Amino acid sequence: MAAFNKFNIFMGDLGSKVHNLTADALKILLTDVAPVATNTVKANLTEIAAGNGYTAGGGAASFTSWTQAAGVWKLVLQPVLFTATGGNIAQFRYAVLYNSTPASGNLIGWWDYGAEVNLTNGNSIAVQLDTTNGVFTLT
């Protein structure tokens, strides 16, 4: 998967206690419109249409661990699987990690697949969240 890009607001939101990475509901949503680093909340994005196996708001990114070694913190989440059922899932290019616990859906970061992804009926894609090196690290 492509490199993780964090939204500018993320570090400020951490310092303001908007995110509790070990307890809040983190999700991955799909979009075909490029996010920009200055986006702050889910409403700033254009999510793909719900249907055919894609639920509005995206899929849960289940928490695995938030650990520290030598002053480097690492967030590990489980990959998120999307499966097209009953038809194709709308075309997308970007996967966006956000916190769905705050009503505004504060943004964390995104990945660019580099080209549009067309998920046809019966097929799946896993948003591969690195379970070894973590989604991201903070030092």
Protein backbone atom coordinates (compact mmCIF):
# COMPACT_ATOMS: atom_id res chain seq x y z
CA MET A 1 0.00 0.00 0.00
CA ALA A 2 1.07 3.58 -0.59
CA ALA A 3 2.66 5.73 2.09
CA PHE A 4 0.51 7.15 4.89
CA ASN A 5 -0.24 10.89 4.58
CA LYS A 6 -1.38 12.62 7.75
CA PHE A 7 -3.79 15.51 7.85
CA ASN A 8 -2.22 18.68 9.30
CA ILE A 9 -4.85 18.87 12.06
CA PHE A 10 -4.10 15.39 13.41
CA MET A 11 -1.21 16.32 15.72
CA GLY A 12 -3.14 19.31 17.08
CA ASP A 13 -6.16 17.08 17.68
CA LEU A 14 -3.95 14.64 19.62
CA GLY A 15 -2.71 17.48 21.82
CA SER A 16 -6.29 18.69 22.35
CA LYS A 17 -7.48 15.21 23.40
CA VAL A 18 -9.79 14.83 20.40
CA HIS A 19 -8.38 11.36 19.73
CA ASN A 20 -8.07 8.47 22.16
CA LEU A 21 -6.36 6.04 19.81
CA THR A 22 -6.84 3.07 22.15
CA ALA A 23 -10.57 3.55 22.74
CA ASP A 24 -12.20 5.64 19.99
CA ALA A 25 -13.86 4.06 16.93
CA LEU A 26 -11.47 4.48 14.02
CA LYS A 27 -12.75 3.86 10.50
CA ILE A 28 -11.61 3.75 6.89
CA LEU A 29 -13.78 5.47 4.29
CA LEU A 30 -13.30 5.41 0.54
CA THR A 31 -13.29 8.42 -1.79
CA ASP A 32 -12.45 9.13 -5.40
CA VAL A 33 -11.70 12.80 -4.70
CA ALA A 34 -8.17 13.58 -3.51
CA PRO A 35 -7.95 14.58 0.15
CA VAL A 36 -5.72 17.54 0.97
CA ALA A 37 -3.57 17.94 4.06
CA THR A 38 -5.65 20.91 5.25
CA ASN A 39 -8.90 18.89 5.46
CA THR A 40 -10.00 18.59 9.10
CA VAL A 41 -13.25 16.59 9.37
CA LYS A 42 -15.18 13.95 7.44
CA ALA A 43 -17.55 16.57 5.95
CA ASN A 44 -14.56 18.01 4.03
CA LEU A 45 -14.40 14.79 1.98
CA THR A 46 -16.56 13.34 -0.77
CA GLU A 47 -17.23 9.75 0.26
CA ILE A 48 -18.24 7.22 -2.40
CA ALA A 49 -21.91 6.22 -2.52
CA ALA A 50 -23.06 3.55 -0.10
CA GLY A 51 -24.31 0.28 -1.52
CA ASN A 52 -23.29 -3.11 -2.88
CA GLY A 53 -21.22 -3.94 0.19
CA TYR A 54 -19.95 -0.47 1.03
CA THR A 55 -21.57 1.11 4.10
CA ALA A 56 -21.76 4.89 4.50
CA GLY A 57 -18.98 5.93 6.84
CA GLY A 58 -16.75 3.06 5.78
CA GLY A 59 -15.46 0.08 7.72
CA ALA A 60 -14.11 -0.28 11.25
CA ALA A 61 -10.33 -0.32 11.65
CA SER A 62 -10.09 -2.54 14.73
CA PHE A 63 -7.52 -1.54 17.33
CA THR A 64 -4.64 -3.94 17.94
CA SER A 65 -2.03 -1.97 19.88
CA TRP A 66 -0.50 1.41 20.72
CA THR A 67 3.00 0.64 21.91
CA GLN A 68 6.26 2.44 22.60
CA ALA A 69 9.87 1.37 22.12
CA ALA A 70 12.78 3.76 22.70
CA GLY A 71 10.46 6.76 22.57
CA VAL A 72 8.79 5.79 19.28
CA TRP A 73 5.04 5.16 19.53
CA LYS A 74 3.36 2.83 17.01
CA LEU A 75 -0.35 2.42 16.23
CA VAL A 76 -1.36 -0.99 14.91
CA LEU A 77 -4.83 -1.55 13.45
CA GLN A 78 -6.31 -4.55 11.65
CA PRO A 79 -6.76 -4.36 7.87
CA VAL A 80 -10.25 -3.33 6.68
CA LEU A 81 -11.97 -5.55 4.11
CA PHE A 82 -14.50 -4.27 1.58
CA THR A 83 -16.43 -6.84 -0.51
CA ALA A 84 -18.70 -5.96 -3.43
CA THR A 85 -22.02 -7.81 -3.09
CA GLY A 86 -25.08 -7.42 -5.28
CA GLY A 87 -23.18 -5.16 -7.70
CA ASN A 88 -20.04 -3.08 -7.97
CA ILE A 89 -18.77 -0.77 -5.24
CA ALA A 90 -18.34 2.79 -6.52
CA GLN A 91 -14.94 3.60 -8.00
CA PHE A 92 -12.41 5.01 -5.52
CA ARG A 93 -8.73 5.91 -5.30
CA TYR A 94 -8.17 6.99 -1.69
CA ALA A 95 -8.64 5.30 1.68
CA VAL A 96 -9.06 7.73 4.59
CA LEU A 97 -8.52 6.94 8.28
CA TYR A 98 -10.71 8.99 10.60
CA ASN A 99 -12.10 8.98 14.13
CA SER A 100 -15.85 8.34 14.11
CA THR A 101 -16.28 8.85 17.87
CA PRO A 102 -16.43 12.67 17.68
CA ALA A 103 -19.59 13.67 15.79
CA SER A 104 -17.52 15.65 13.29
CA GLY A 105 -15.40 12.62 12.30
CA ASN A 106 -11.96 14.13 12.84
CA LEU A 107 -9.46 13.12 10.17
CA ILE A 108 -6.18 11.31 10.81
CA GLY A 109 -4.61 10.40 7.46
CA TRP A 110 -5.02 8.82 4.04
CA TRP A 111 -3.46 6.55 1.42
CA ASP A 112 -3.47 7.03 -2.36
CA TYR A 113 -3.77 3.85 -4.45
CA GLY A 114 -2.22 5.73 -7.39
CA ALA A 115 -5.13 4.95 -9.74
CA GLU A 116 -8.86 4.39 -9.54
CA VAL A 117 -9.91 1.06 -8.04
CA ASN A 118 -12.95 -0.67 -9.53
CA LEU A 119 -14.28 -3.33 -7.18
CA THR A 120 -16.65 -5.57 -9.11
CA ASN A 121 -19.39 -7.80 -7.74
CA GLY A 122 -17.99 -10.73 -5.75
CA ASN A 123 -14.51 -9.26 -5.36
CA SER A 124 -12.83 -7.84 -2.25
CA ILE A 125 -10.09 -5.43 -1.35
CA ALA A 126 -8.33 -5.16 1.97
CA VAL A 127 -7.02 -1.80 3.03
CA GLN A 128 -3.74 -3.24 4.29
CA LEU A 129 -2.81 -1.50 7.52
CA ASP A 130 0.76 -2.52 8.33
CA THR A 131 0.43 -4.86 11.31
CA THR A 132 4.22 -5.03 11.79
CA ASN A 133 5.42 -1.43 11.47
CA GLY A 134 2.09 0.16 12.35
CA VAL A 135 -0.24 2.54 10.57
CA PHE A 136 2.06 5.33 11.70
CA THR A 137 4.68 6.10 14.32
CA LEU A 138 5.19 9.19 16.47
CA THR A 139 8.49 10.24 17.98
